[in-house]
C-alpha atoms as a PDB file:
ATOM      1  CA  LEU A   1      -7.519  22.694   8.656  1.00  0.00           C
ATOM      2  CA  ARG A   2      -9.173  19.446   9.760  1.00  0.00           C
ATOM      3  CA  HIS A   3     -12.499  18.154   8.597  1.00  0.00           C
ATOM      4  CA  ARG A   4     -14.562  15.036   9.163  1.00  0.00           C
ATOM      5  CA  ALA A   5     -14.763  12.166   6.720  1.00  0.00           C
ATOM      6  CA  THR A   6     -17.313   9.461   7.412  1.00  0.00           C
ATOM      7  CA  MET A   7     -15.935   5.937   7.509  1.00  0.00           C
ATOM      8  CA  LYS A   8     -17.773   2.661   7.861  1.00  0.00           C
ATOM      9  CA  ILE A   9     -15.668  -0.171   9.262  1.00  0.00           C
ATOM     10  CA  SER A  10     -16.387  -3.820   8.600  1.00  0.00           C
ATOM     11  CA  GLY A  11     -14.974  -6.986  10.094  1.00  0.00           C
ATOM     12  CA  ALA A  12     -12.095  -7.284  12.511  1.00  0.00           C
ATOM     13  CA  SER A  13     -11.393  -3.541  12.768  1.00  0.00           C
ATOM     14  CA  LEU A  14     -14.868  -2.820  14.151  1.00  0.00           C
ATOM     15  CA  LEU A  15     -14.653  -5.738  16.566  1.00  0.00           C
ATOM     16  CA  ALA A  16     -11.320  -4.478  17.871  1.00  0.00           C
ATOM     17  CA  VAL A  17     -12.675  -0.968  18.525  1.00  0.00           C
ATOM     18  CA  THR A  18     -15.858  -2.356  20.125  1.00  0.00           C
ATOM     19  CA  ALA A  19     -13.913  -4.706  22.365  1.00  0.00           C
ATOM     20  CA  LEU A  20     -11.593  -1.930  23.466  1.00  0.00           C
ATOM     21  CA  GLY A  21     -14.526   0.320  24.282  1.00  0.00           C
ATOM     22  CA  ALA A  22     -16.230  -2.453  26.266  1.00  0.00           C
ATOM     23  CA  ALA A  23     -13.078  -3.100  28.275  1.00  0.00           C
ATOM     24  CA  VAL A  24     -12.747   0.595  29.111  1.00  0.00           C
ATOM     25  CA  ALA A  25     -16.395   0.847  30.108  1.00  0.00           C
ATOM     26  CA  ALA A  26     -16.103  -2.214  32.369  1.00  0.00           C
ATOM     27  CA  ASP A  27     -13.029  -0.903  34.178  1.00  0.00           C
ATOM     28  CA  ALA A  28     -14.577   2.564  34.615  1.00  0.00           C
ATOM     29  CA  TRP A  29     -17.812   1.202  36.226  1.00  0.00           C
ATOM     30  CA  ILE A  30     -18.449   2.594  39.717  1.00  0.00           C
ATOM     31  CA  SER A  31     -20.619   0.877  42.329  1.00  0.00           C
ATOM     32  CA  PRO A  32     -23.656   2.869  43.547  1.00  0.00           C
ATOM     33  CA  ASN A  33     -22.742   1.912  47.151  1.00  0.00           C
ATOM     34  CA  VAL A  34     -19.455   3.781  47.186  1.00  0.00           C
ATOM     35  CA  ASN A  35     -20.103   5.273  50.621  1.00  0.00           C
ATOM     36  CA  ALA A  36     -20.347   1.910  52.399  1.00  0.00           C
ATOM     37  CA  ASN A  37     -16.920   2.305  53.912  1.00  0.00           C
ATOM     38  CA  ASN A  38     -13.771   4.316  53.394  1.00  0.00           C
ATOM     39  CA  ASN A  39     -11.736   1.376  52.135  1.00  0.00           C
ATOM     40  CA  ARG A  40     -14.267   0.626  49.457  1.00  0.00           C
ATOM     41  CA  LEU A  41     -14.367   4.278  48.504  1.00  0.00           C
ATOM     42  CA  GLY A  42     -10.618   4.146  48.023  1.00  0.00           C
ATOM     43  CA  ASP A  43     -10.946   1.054  45.858  1.00  0.00           C
ATOM     44  CA  VAL A  44     -13.582   2.728  43.720  1.00  0.00           C
ATOM     45  CA  SER A  45     -11.494   5.875  43.357  1.00  0.00           C
ATOM     46  CA  LEU A  46      -8.590   3.751  42.146  1.00  0.00           C
ATOM     47  CA  MET A  47     -10.924   1.961  39.730  1.00  0.00           C
ATOM     48  CA  ALA A  48     -12.216   5.265  38.386  1.00  0.00           C
ATOM     49  CA  SER A  49      -8.666   6.533  37.978  1.00  0.00           C
ATOM     50  CA  ARG A  50      -7.748   3.421  36.021  1.00  0.00           C
ATOM     51  CA  GLY A  51     -10.854   3.857  33.924  1.00  0.00           C
ATOM     52  CA  GLN A  52      -9.893   7.431  33.080  1.00  0.00           C
ATOM     53  CA  THR A  53      -6.415   6.289  32.117  1.00  0.00           C
ATOM     54  CA  LYS A  54      -7.777   3.572  29.847  1.00  0.00           C
ATOM     55  CA  TRP A  55     -10.247   5.984  28.272  1.00  0.00           C
ATOM     56  CA  ALA A  56      -7.382   8.372  27.559  1.00  0.00           C
ATOM     57  CA  ASN A  57      -5.466   5.463  26.017  1.00  0.00           C
ATOM     58  CA  LYS A  58      -8.467   4.617  23.878  1.00  0.00           C
ATOM     59  CA  ARG A  59      -8.743   8.210  22.648  1.00  0.00           C
ATOM     60  CA  ALA A  60      -5.044   8.187  21.764  1.00  0.00           C
ATOM     61  CA  TRP A  61      -5.451   4.824  19.982  1.00  0.00           C
ATOM     62  CA  LEU A  62      -8.351   6.163  17.916  1.00  0.00           C
ATOM     63  CA  GLU A  63      -6.699   9.481  17.123  1.00  0.00           C
ATOM     64  CA  LYS A  64      -3.485   7.798  15.961  1.00  0.00           C
ATOM     65  CA  ARG A  65      -5.554   5.842  13.457  1.00  0.00           C
ATOM     66  CA  GLY A  66      -7.443   8.898  12.263  1.00  0.00           C
ATOM     67  CA  PHE A  67     -10.676   8.537  14.283  1.00  0.00           C
ATOM     68  CA  SER A  68     -12.478  10.818  16.729  1.00  0.00           C
ATOM     69  CA  GLU A  69     -14.072   9.473  19.927  1.00  0.00           C
ATOM     70  CA  ASP A  70     -17.359   8.758  18.133  1.00  0.00           C
ATOM     71  CA  GLY A  71     -15.601   6.618  15.498  1.00  0.00           C
ATOM     72  CA  THR A  72     -15.639   9.256  12.734  1.00  0.00           C
ATOM     73  CA  ALA A  73     -12.513   9.419  10.609  1.00  0.00           C
ATOM     74  CA  LEU A  74     -10.506  12.627  10.715  1.00  0.00           C
ATOM     75  CA  HIS A  75      -7.813  13.692   8.286  1.00  0.00           C
ATOM     76  CA  ALA A  76      -5.859  16.766   7.382  1.00  0.00           C
ATOM     77  CA  SER A  77      -7.042  18.138   4.079  1.00  0.00           C
ATOM     78  CA  GLY A  78      -4.396  20.779   3.511  1.00  0.00           C
ATOM     79  CA  GLY A  79      -7.100  22.756   1.712  1.00  0.00           C
ATOM     80  CA  ALA A  80      -7.575  20.062  -0.942  1.00  0.00           C
ATOM     81  CA  THR A  81     -10.905  19.399  -2.583  1.00  0.00           C
ATOM     82  CA  ALA A  82     -12.934  16.708  -0.841  1.00  0.00           C
ATOM     83  CA  SER A  83     -12.490  13.334  -2.530  1.00  0.00           C
ATOM     84  CA  GLN A  84     -15.195  11.021  -3.824  1.00  0.00           C
ATOM     85  CA  ALA A  85     -16.581   8.338  -1.510  1.00  0.00           C
ATOM     86  CA  VAL A  86     -14.840   5.014  -2.093  1.00  0.00           C
ATOM     87  CA  THR A  87     -14.850   1.413  -0.966  1.00  0.00           C
ATOM     88  CA  ILE A  88     -11.500   0.103   0.244  1.00  0.00           C
ATOM     89  CA  ILE A  89     -10.657  -3.583   0.465  1.00  0.00           C
ATOM     90  CA  GLY A  90      -7.838  -4.155   2.941  1.00  0.00           C
ATOM     91  CA  GLY A  91      -7.176  -2.245   6.137  1.00  0.00           C
ATOM     92  CA  GLY A  92      -3.403  -2.574   6.292  1.00  0.00           C
ATOM     93  CA  ARG A  93      -0.794   0.149   5.894  1.00  0.00           C
ATOM     94  CA  ILE A  94      -1.985   1.381   2.483  1.00  0.00           C
ATOM     95  CA  GLY A  95      -5.699   0.786   3.030  1.00  0.00           C
ATOM     96  CA  GLY A  96      -5.591   2.587   6.360  1.00  0.00           C
ATOM     97  CA  MET A  97      -3.815   5.539   4.791  1.00  0.00           C
ATOM     98  CA  LEU A  98      -6.317   5.785   1.921  1.00  0.00           C
ATOM     99  CA  ALA A  99      -9.249   5.603   4.337  1.00  0.00           C
ATOM    100  CA  GLU A 100      -8.085   8.856   5.915  1.00  0.00           C
ATOM    101  CA  GLY A 101      -8.499  10.681   2.602  1.00  0.00           C
ATOM    102  CA  GLY A 102     -12.279  10.992   2.618  1.00  0.00           C
ATOM    103  CA  GLU A 103     -15.562   9.154   2.976  1.00  0.00           C
ATOM    104  CA  SER A 104     -14.780   5.447   2.952  1.00  0.00           C
ATOM    105  CA  THR A 105     -16.311   2.027   3.431  1.00  0.00           C
ATOM    106  CA  LEU A 106     -13.498  -0.182   4.695  1.00  0.00           C
ATOM    107  CA  LEU A 107     -13.840  -3.900   3.999  1.00  0.00           C
ATOM    108  CA  GLY A 108     -11.795  -6.914   4.982  1.00  0.00           C
ATOM    109  CA  ARG A 109     -10.733  -9.416   2.340  1.00  0.00           C
ATOM    110  CA  GLU A 110     -13.613 -11.706   3.295  1.00  0.00           C
ATOM    111  CA  ASP A 111     -16.274  -8.982   3.362  1.00  0.00           C
ATOM    112  CA  THR A 112     -18.833  -8.527   0.587  1.00  0.00           C
ATOM    113  CA  VAL A 113     -18.846  -5.626  -1.854  1.00  0.00           C
ATOM    114  CA  ASP A 114     -22.264  -3.963  -2.108  1.00  0.00           C
ATOM    115  CA  PRO A 115     -23.714  -4.942  -5.514  1.00  0.00           C
ATOM    116  CA  ASP A 116     -25.865  -1.803  -5.473  1.00  0.00           C
ATOM    117  CA  GLY A 117     -22.994   0.521  -4.604  1.00  0.00           C
ATOM    118  CA  GLU A 118     -21.086   2.809  -6.917  1.00  0.00           C
ATOM    119  CA  GLY A 119     -17.733   4.494  -7.211  1.00  0.00           C
ATOM    120  CA  PRO A 120     -14.156   3.222  -6.999  1.00  0.00           C
ATOM    121  CA  ILE A 121     -13.261   0.040  -5.126  1.00  0.00           C
ATOM    122  CA  LEU A 122      -9.637   0.442  -4.065  1.00  0.00           C
ATOM    123  CA  VAL A 123      -7.960  -2.949  -3.711  1.00  0.00           C
ATOM    124  CA  ALA A 124      -5.280  -2.441  -1.049  1.00  0.00           C
ATOM    125  CA  THR A 125      -4.158  -6.028  -0.523  1.00  0.00           C
ATOM    126  CA  ARG A 126      -1.250  -8.212  -1.499  1.00  0.00           C
ATOM    127  CA  ASN A 127      -1.214  -9.816  -4.905  1.00  0.00           C
ATOM    128  CA  ASP A 128      -2.006 -13.292  -3.617  1.00  0.00           C
ATOM    129  CA  SER A 129      -5.430 -12.058  -2.468  1.00  0.00           C
ATOM    130  CA  LEU A 130      -6.489 -10.755  -5.891  1.00  0.00           C
ATOM    131  CA  GLU A 131      -7.983 -14.002  -7.188  1.00  0.00           C
ATOM    132  CA  GLY A 132     -10.404 -14.332  -4.285  1.00  0.00           C
ATOM    133  CA  ILE A 133     -11.303 -10.644  -4.282  1.00  0.00           C
ATOM    134  CA  VAL A 134     -12.158 -10.565  -7.986  1.00  0.00           C
ATOM    135  CA  GLU A 135     -14.149 -13.792  -7.829  1.00  0.00           C
ATOM    136  CA  ALA A 136     -16.136 -12.600  -4.794  1.00  0.00           C
ATOM    137  CA  CYS A 137     -16.850  -9.177  -6.298  1.00  0.00           C
ATOM    138  CA  PRO A 138     -20.319  -8.857  -7.892  1.00  0.00           C
ATOM    139  CA  GLU A 139     -19.894  -8.918 -11.667  1.00  0.00           C
ATOM    140  CA  ASN A 140     -21.582  -5.537 -12.110  1.00  0.00           C
ATOM    141  CA  ARG A 141     -19.014  -3.953  -9.749  1.00  0.00           C
ATOM    142  CA  ARG A 142     -15.831  -5.516 -11.141  1.00  0.00           C
ATOM    143  CA  LYS A 143     -15.337  -2.590 -13.514  1.00  0.00           C
ATOM    144  CA  ASP A 144     -14.911  -0.372 -10.432  1.00  0.00           C
ATOM    145  CA  LEU A 145     -11.985  -2.361  -8.999  1.00  0.00           C
ATOM    146  CA  VAL A 146      -8.825  -0.248  -8.797  1.00  0.00           C
ATOM    147  CA  PHE A 147      -5.570  -2.219  -8.750  1.00  0.00           C
ATOM    148  CA  MET A 148      -2.470  -0.724  -7.132  1.00  0.00           C
ATOM    149  CA  GLN A 149      -0.347  -3.788  -6.445  1.00  0.00           C
ATOM    150  CA  ASN A 150       3.342  -3.951  -7.236  1.00  0.00           C
ATOM    151  CA  GLY A 151       4.485  -6.123 -10.090  1.00  0.00           C
ATOM    152  CA  TYR A 152       3.346  -7.389 -13.463  1.00  0.00           C
ATOM    153  CA  LEU A 153      -0.450  -7.731 -13.408  1.00  0.00           C
ATOM    154  CA  ASP A 154      -1.146  -8.017 -17.134  1.00  0.00           C
ATOM    155  CA  ASP A 155      -1.556 -11.794 -17.300  1.00  0.00           C
ATOM    156  CA  PHE A 156      -3.886 -11.841 -14.297  1.00  0.00           C
ATOM    157  CA  LEU A 157      -5.991  -8.885 -15.423  1.00  0.00           C
ATOM    158  CA  GLU A 158      -6.282 -10.238 -18.948  1.00  0.00           C
ATOM    159  CA  SER A 159      -7.437 -13.626 -17.624  1.00  0.00           C
ATOM    160  CA  LYS A 160     -10.218 -11.853 -15.719  1.00  0.00           C
ATOM    161  CA  GLY A 161     -11.190  -9.494 -18.531  1.00  0.00           C
ATOM    162  CA  LEU A 162     -10.098  -6.496 -16.456  1.00  0.00           C
ATOM    163  CA  MET A 163      -7.288  -4.987 -18.525  1.00  0.00           C
ATOM    164  CA  ASP A 164      -9.294  -1.762 -18.932  1.00  0.00           C
ATOM    165  CA  ASN A 165      -9.727  -1.296 -15.176  1.00  0.00           C
ATOM    166  CA  THR A 166      -8.122   1.590 -13.331  1.00  0.00           C
ATOM    167  CA  GLN A 167      -4.527   0.864 -12.371  1.00  0.00           C
ATOM    168  CA  VAL A 168      -2.207   2.784 -10.080  1.00  0.00           C
ATOM    169  CA  LEU A 169       1.564   2.904  -9.751  1.00  0.00           C
ATOM    170  CA  LEU A 170       1.787   3.791  -6.077  1.00  0.00           C
ATOM    171  CA  PHE A 171       5.136   5.350  -5.207  1.00  0.00           C
ATOM    172  CA  VAL A 172       4.201   5.866  -1.567  1.00  0.00           C
ATOM    173  CA  SER A 173       5.911   4.157   1.346  1.00  0.00           C
ATOM    174  CA  VAL A 174       4.127   3.570   4.667  1.00  0.00           C
ATOM    175  CA  THR A 175       6.614   1.960   7.037  1.00  0.00           C
ATOM    176  CA  ALA A 176       4.023   0.868   9.605  1.00  0.00           C
ATOM    177  CA  LYS A 177       0.273   1.008   9.988  1.00  0.00           C
ATOM    178  CA  GLY A 178      -0.680   4.531  10.999  1.00  0.00           C
ATOM    179  CA  ALA A 179       2.746   5.984  10.116  1.00  0.00           C
ATOM    180  CA  GLU A 180       3.086   9.122   8.020  1.00  0.00           C
ATOM    181  CA  PRO A 181       3.310   8.207   4.311  1.00  0.00           C
ATOM    182  CA  ILE A 182       6.485   9.008   2.379  1.00  0.00           C
ATOM    183  CA  ASP A 183       5.567  10.426  -1.020  1.00  0.00           C
ATOM    184  CA  GLY A 184       7.481   9.461  -4.162  1.00  0.00           C
ATOM    185  CA  VAL A 185       8.616  13.030  -4.790  1.00  0.00           C
ATOM    186  CA  THR A 186      12.250  13.086  -5.867  1.00  0.00           C
ATOM    187  CA  THR A 187      14.897  15.517  -7.042  1.00  0.00           C
ATOM    188  CA  VAL A 188      14.382  14.200 -10.565  1.00  0.00           C
ATOM    189  CA  ASN A 189      10.578  14.046 -10.402  1.00  0.00           C
ATOM    190  CA  PRO A 190       9.311  16.856  -8.140  1.00  0.00           C
ATOM    191  CA  GLU A 191       5.804  16.264  -9.543  1.00  0.00           C
ATOM    192  CA  GLY A 192       5.875  12.837  -7.920  1.00  0.00           C
ATOM    193  CA  LEU A 193       6.121   9.380  -9.460  1.00  0.00           C
ATOM    194  CA  THR A 194       2.715   8.011  -8.477  1.00  0.00           C
ATOM    195  CA  ALA A 195       0.504   7.643 -11.546  1.00  0.00           C
ATOM    196  CA  ALA A 196      -2.990   6.372 -12.313  1.00  0.00           C
ATOM    197  CA  THR A 197      -4.863   5.534 -15.491  1.00  0.00           C
ATOM    198  CA  GLY A 198      -8.436   4.503 -16.234  1.00  0.00           C
ATOM    199  CA  GLU A 199     -11.994   5.447 -15.309  1.00  0.00           C
ATOM    200  CA  HIS A 200     -11.313   6.156 -11.626  1.00  0.00           C
ATOM    201  CA  ALA A 201      -7.835   7.637 -12.028  1.00  0.00           C
ATOM    202  CA  GLN A 202      -8.928  11.185 -11.208  1.00  0.00           C
ATOM    203  CA  ALA A 203     -10.920  10.040  -8.169  1.00  0.00           C
ATOM    204  CA  PHE A 204      -7.808   8.268  -6.890  1.00  0.00           C
ATOM    205  CA  ALA A 205      -5.664  11.342  -7.533  1.00  0.00           C
ATOM    206  CA  ASP A 206      -8.188  13.471  -5.612  1.00  0.00           C
ATOM    207  CA  ARG A 207      -8.015  11.082  -2.664  1.00  0.00           C
ATOM    208  CA  LEU A 208      -4.230  11.334  -2.535  1.00  0.00           C
ATOM    209  CA  ALA A 209      -4.478  15.116  -2.879  1.00  0.00           C
ATOM    210  CA  ALA A 210      -6.684  15.153   0.225  1.00  0.00           C
ATOM    211  CA  LEU A 211      -3.756  13.498   1.996  1.00  0.00           C
ATOM    212  CA  ASP A 212      -1.264  16.005   0.560  1.00  0.00           C
ATOM    213  CA  LEU A 213       0.204  13.318  -1.700  1.00  0.00           C
ATOM    214  CA  LYS A 214       0.826  13.661  -5.428  1.00  0.00           C
ATOM    215  CA  CYS A 215      -0.594  11.588  -8.278  1.00  0.00           C
ATOM    216  CA  ASN A 216      -0.356  12.069 -12.034  1.00  0.00           C
ATOM    217  CA  VAL A 217      -3.338  11.053 -14.173  1.00  0.00           C
ATOM    218  CA  ILE A 218      -1.973   9.633 -17.415  1.00  0.00           C
ATOM    219  CA  SER A 219      -3.116   7.754 -20.497  1.00  0.00           C
ATOM    220  CA  ALA A 220      -2.899   3.982 -20.895  1.00  0.00           C
ATOM    221  CA  GLU A 221      -0.089   4.482 -23.410  1.00  0.00           C
ATOM    222  CA  GLU A 222       1.923   6.550 -20.930  1.00  0.00           C
ATOM    223  CA  TYR A 223       1.171   4.156 -18.112  1.00  0.00           C
ATOM    224  CA  ARG A 224       2.724   1.089 -19.719  1.00  0.00           C
ATOM    225  CA  PRO A 225       6.406   2.153 -19.754  1.00  0.00           C
ATOM    226  CA  ALA A 226       5.962   3.678 -16.299  1.00  0.00           C
ATOM    227  CA  MET A 227       4.601   0.349 -15.034  1.00  0.00           C
ATOM    228  CA  PHE A 228       7.606  -1.534 -16.395  1.00  0.00           C
ATOM    229  CA  GLU A 229       9.943   1.078 -14.938  1.00  0.00           C
ATOM    230  CA  LYS A 230       8.594   0.438 -11.460  1.00  0.00           C
ATOM    231  CA  LEU A 231       8.741  -3.314 -12.069  1.00  0.00           C
ATOM    232  CA  ILE A 232      12.397  -2.908 -13.021  1.00  0.00           C
ATOM    233  CA  TRP A 233      13.068  -0.891  -9.856  1.00  0.00           C
ATOM    234  CA  ILE A 234      11.576  -3.404  -7.445  1.00  0.00           C
ATOM    235  CA  SER A 235      13.005  -6.402  -9.296  1.00  0.00           C
ATOM    236  CA  THR A 236      16.524  -4.932  -9.444  1.00  0.00           C
ATOM    237  CA  TYR A 237      17.114  -3.286  -6.088  1.00  0.00           C
ATOM    238  CA  MET A 238      15.477  -6.077  -4.108  1.00  0.00           C
ATOM    239  CA  LEU A 239      17.412  -8.742  -6.018  1.00  0.00           C
ATOM    240  CA  VAL A 240      20.841  -7.081  -5.878  1.00  0.00           C
ATOM    241  CA  GLY A 241      20.317  -6.226  -2.222  1.00  0.00           C
ATOM    242  CA  ALA A 242      19.281  -9.785  -1.338  1.00  0.00           C
ATOM    243  CA  ALA A 243      22.091 -11.431  -3.312  1.00  0.00           C
ATOM    244  CA  LYS A 244      24.734  -9.140  -1.794  1.00  0.00           C
ATOM    245  CA  GLU A 245      23.210  -9.314   1.701  1.00  0.00           C
ATOM    246  CA  CYS A 246      22.384  -5.611   1.951  1.00  0.00           C
ATOM    247  CA  SER A 247      20.152  -4.351   4.721  1.00  0.00           C
ATOM    248  CA  SER A 248      18.307  -1.868   2.516  1.00  0.00           C
ATOM    249  CA  VAL A 249      17.736  -0.685  -1.051  1.00  0.00           C
ATOM    250  CA  GLY A 250      19.851   2.349  -0.192  1.00  0.00           C
ATOM    251  CA  GLN A 251      22.810   0.130   0.646  1.00  0.00           C
ATOM    252  CA  ALA A 252      22.276  -1.897  -2.523  1.00  0.00           C
ATOM    253  CA  GLY A 253      22.471   1.311  -4.545  1.00  0.00           C
ATOM    254  CA  SER A 254      25.451   2.788  -2.736  1.00  0.00           C
ATOM    255  CA  ASP A 255      27.580  -0.347  -2.296  1.00  0.00           C
ATOM    256  CA  HIS A 256      26.704  -2.057  -5.585  1.00  0.00           C
ATOM    257  CA  GLY A 257      25.821   0.853  -7.853  1.00  0.00           C
ATOM    258  CA  GLU A 258      27.561  -0.541 -10.933  1.00  0.00           C
ATOM    259  CA  LEU A 259      25.778  -3.872 -10.605  1.00  0.00           C
ATOM    260  CA  VAL A 260      22.426  -2.164 -10.070  1.00  0.00           C
ATOM    261  CA  GLU A 261      22.922  -0.051 -13.194  1.00  0.00           C
ATOM    262  CA  LYS A 262      23.992  -3.100 -15.194  1.00  0.00           C
ATOM    263  CA  VAL A 263      20.811  -4.974 -14.258  1.00  0.00           C
ATOM    264  CA  VAL A 264      18.577  -1.946 -14.867  1.00  0.00           C
ATOM    265  CA  ASN A 265      20.012  -1.406 -18.350  1.00  0.00           C
ATOM    266  CA  GLU A 266      19.686  -5.128 -19.071  1.00  0.00           C
ATOM    267  CA  LEU A 267      16.020  -5.209 -18.083  1.00  0.00           C
ATOM    268  CA  VAL A 268      15.183  -2.004 -19.937  1.00  0.00           C
ATOM    269  CA  ALA A 269      16.621  -3.517 -23.111  1.00  0.00           C
ATOM    270  CA  ALA A 270      14.790  -6.802 -22.543  1.00  0.00           C
ATOM    271  CA  VAL A 271      11.417  -5.106 -22.028  1.00  0.00           C
ATOM    272  CA  SER A 272      11.935  -2.814 -25.005  1.00  0.00           C
ATOM    273  CA  ALA A 273      12.651  -5.799 -27.227  1.00  0.00           C
ATOM    274  CA  LYS A 274       9.735  -7.900 -26.017  1.00  0.00           C
ATOM    275  CA  GLU A 275       7.046  -5.245 -25.598  1.00  0.00           C
ATOM    276  CA  GLY A 276       8.092  -2.703 -28.205  1.00  0.00           C
ATOM    277  CA  ILE A 277       8.197  -0.020 -25.516  1.00  0.00           C
ATOM    278  CA  THR A 278      10.351   3.098 -25.694  1.00  0.00           C
ATOM    279  CA  PHE A 279      11.433   4.395 -22.298  1.00  0.00           C
ATOM    280  CA  GLN A 280      12.094   8.069 -21.695  1.00  0.00           C
ATOM    281  CA  GLU A 281      15.713   9.030 -21.236  1.00  0.00           C
ATOM    282  CA  GLY A 282      17.007   8.945 -17.679  1.00  0.00           C
ATOM    283  CA  VAL A 283      15.578   5.679 -16.322  1.00  0.00           C
ATOM    284  CA  MET A 284      18.559   5.049 -14.045  1.00  0.00           C
ATOM    285  CA  ALA A 285      18.522   8.596 -12.689  1.00  0.00           C
ATOM    286  CA  ARG A 286      14.802   8.352 -11.890  1.00  0.00           C
ATOM    287  CA  LEU A 287      15.130   5.006 -10.134  1.00  0.00           C
ATOM    288  CA  ALA A 288      18.211   6.081  -8.164  1.00  0.00           C
ATOM    289  CA  ALA A 289      16.454   9.263  -7.027  1.00  0.00           C
ATOM    290  CA  TYR A 290      13.451   7.249  -5.817  1.00  0.00           C
ATOM    291  CA  THR A 291      15.782   4.886  -3.962  1.00  0.00           C
ATOM    292  CA  ASP A 292      17.140   7.898  -2.080  1.00  0.00           C
ATOM    293  CA  VAL A 293      13.597   8.669  -0.891  1.00  0.00           C
ATOM    294  CA  VAL A 294      12.955   5.128   0.441  1.00  0.00           C
ATOM    295  CA  THR A 295      16.577   4.378   1.254  1.00  0.00           C
ATOM    296  CA  ASP A 296      15.833   2.311   4.387  1.00  0.00           C
ATOM    297  CA  PHE A 297      13.398  -0.082   2.688  1.00  0.00           C
ATOM    298  CA  PRO A 298      14.603  -3.659   3.347  1.00  0.00           C
ATOM    299  CA  CYS A 299      15.677  -5.993   0.542  1.00  0.00           C
ATOM    300  CA  ALA A 300      14.111  -9.376  -0.202  1.00  0.00           C
ATOM    301  CA  VAL A 301      13.037 -11.303  -3.289  1.00  0.00           C
ATOM    302  CA  LYS A 302       9.293 -11.682  -2.755  1.00  0.00           C
ATOM    303  CA  GLU A 303       6.161 -12.347  -4.831  1.00  0.00           C
ATOM    304  CA  PHE A 304       8.370 -13.903  -7.500  1.00  0.00           C
ATOM    305  CA  GLU A 305       5.495 -14.774  -9.835  1.00  0.00           C
ATOM    306  CA  TRP A 306       4.429 -11.106  -9.894  1.00  0.00           C
ATOM    307  CA  ARG A 307       7.879  -9.521 -10.092  1.00  0.00           C
ATOM    308  CA  ASN A 308      11.149 -11.181 -11.135  1.00  0.00           C
ATOM    309  CA  GLN A 309       9.503 -14.094 -12.917  1.00  0.00           C
ATOM    310  CA  TYR A 310       8.619 -11.843 -15.858  1.00  0.00           C
ATOM    311  CA  PHE A 311      12.328 -11.279 -16.516  1.00  0.00           C
ATOM    312  CA  TYR A 312      13.430 -14.788 -15.572  1.00  0.00           C
ATOM    313  CA  LYS A 313      11.122 -16.246 -18.205  1.00  0.00           C
ATOM    314  CA  LEU A 314      12.711 -14.085 -20.895  1.00  0.00           C
ATOM    315  CA  GLY A 315      15.750 -16.328 -20.566  1.00  0.00           C
ATOM    316  CA  ASP A 316      19.477 -15.992 -20.007  1.00  0.00           C
ATOM    317  CA  ASP A 317      20.084 -14.464 -23.417  1.00  0.00           C
ATOM    318  CA  ALA A 318      17.881 -11.459 -22.568  1.00  0.00           C
ATOM    319  CA  CYS A 319      18.518 -11.197 -18.800  1.00  0.00           C
ATOM    320  CA  PRO A 320      21.806 -12.978 -17.985  1.00  0.00           C
ATOM    321  CA  THR A 321      22.883 -10.889 -14.989  1.00  0.00           C
ATOM    322  CA  HIS A 322      19.402 -10.808 -13.470  1.00  0.00           C
ATOM    323  CA  ASN A 323      18.963 -14.559 -13.800  1.00  0.00           C
ATOM    324  CA  GLU A 324      22.416 -15.325 -12.432  1.00  0.00           C
ATOM    325  CA  LEU A 325      21.664 -13.203  -9.354  1.00  0.00           C
ATOM    326  CA  LEU A 326      18.479 -15.193  -8.817  1.00  0.00           C
ATOM    327  CA  ARG A 327      20.462 -18.428  -8.946  1.00  0.00           C
ATOM    328  CA  GLU A 328      22.992 -16.929  -6.538  1.00  0.00           C
ATOM    329  CA  CYS A 329      20.182 -16.178  -4.080  1.00  0.00           C
ATOM    330  CA  ALA A 330      18.870 -19.725  -4.487  1.00  0.00           C
ATOM    331  CA  GLU A 331      22.304 -21.218  -3.771  1.00  0.00           C
ATOM    332  CA  LYS A 332      22.631 -19.104  -0.630  1.00  0.00           C
ATOM    333  CA  GLY A 333      19.190 -20.184   0.568  1.00  0.00           C
ATOM    334  CA  PHE A 334      17.754 -16.672   0.335  1.00  0.00           C
ATOM    335  CA  LEU A 335      14.650 -17.642  -1.675  1.00  0.00           C
ATOM    336  CA  GLY A 336      11.476 -18.942  -0.083  1.00  0.00           C
ATOM    337  CA  PHE A 337      10.581 -20.773  -3.277  1.00  0.00           C
ATOM    338  CA  GLU A 338      12.110 -22.971  -5.962  1.00  0.00           C
ATOM    339  CA  LEU A 339      13.148 -21.390  -9.249  1.00  0.00           C
ATOM    340  CA  PRO A 340      11.247 -22.854 -12.214  1.00  0.00           C
END
């Protein structure tokens, strides 16, 4: 069952669609004097044929991105309840996916959030864009910002007075813009690993449900160990894979399983000691099962200040293996930054 979901597009996305439509219209234009001579008629027929081809290409381009010919977003509901209208900042892989889940206003990072609007504002950008997005957001709307970035956000959110905002642990992989999302449903967690907490958590879960993706609405107390568990996953598999020159997280897990488990256990103990958090039994099994789902995801140590830095700053006594692997990557020239 397919149904329509209105989407407003701002910025570069709208310009791209408009420009494509203008190009198609220009190539499909037919002179009113087509009967002047047979040669010209042939030229016009060829032009019309090219125009039809380009129009077909435009339709395919729009449909692949979830739009009908009139620019209205389409998505498969799978019988799910319609989700609440949202604003989405960022039209990349994740933002584009979320926009297909219901009525959406899609903004670029430089666009302005409506101060008179309401409802969730899903921030689907990289971490390094958060400062500008929060500062540009009208103060009365900042409580509606929903953060779903990877990594340790506590210091940033606390500095902005936004620790009570809705947060999401998004265990969904989208390999390319417009590609089918891979849900974080594993053999260990068939209910899915994606989780949300806060005022707009249910609205976010409804939006994923409209896309046939799973999301668990949990309390702030339940969210915290889950957040650190994901931080441990991305900080461990990416680091081991980079240090050992693996092509993917799957290879890191299969070729260096003992090292991965050693780092995971080390970081679990370090977080437990620092934060006073008790993790549920089976952390390694959960993380390994998720790795099987996204096995081809490439390895790289990125966004250090949001990910591995948390553990690096705990020191060599707490995280000796983790920190040594970081230094190994630095010595091999695999880091795009200097270690503190």
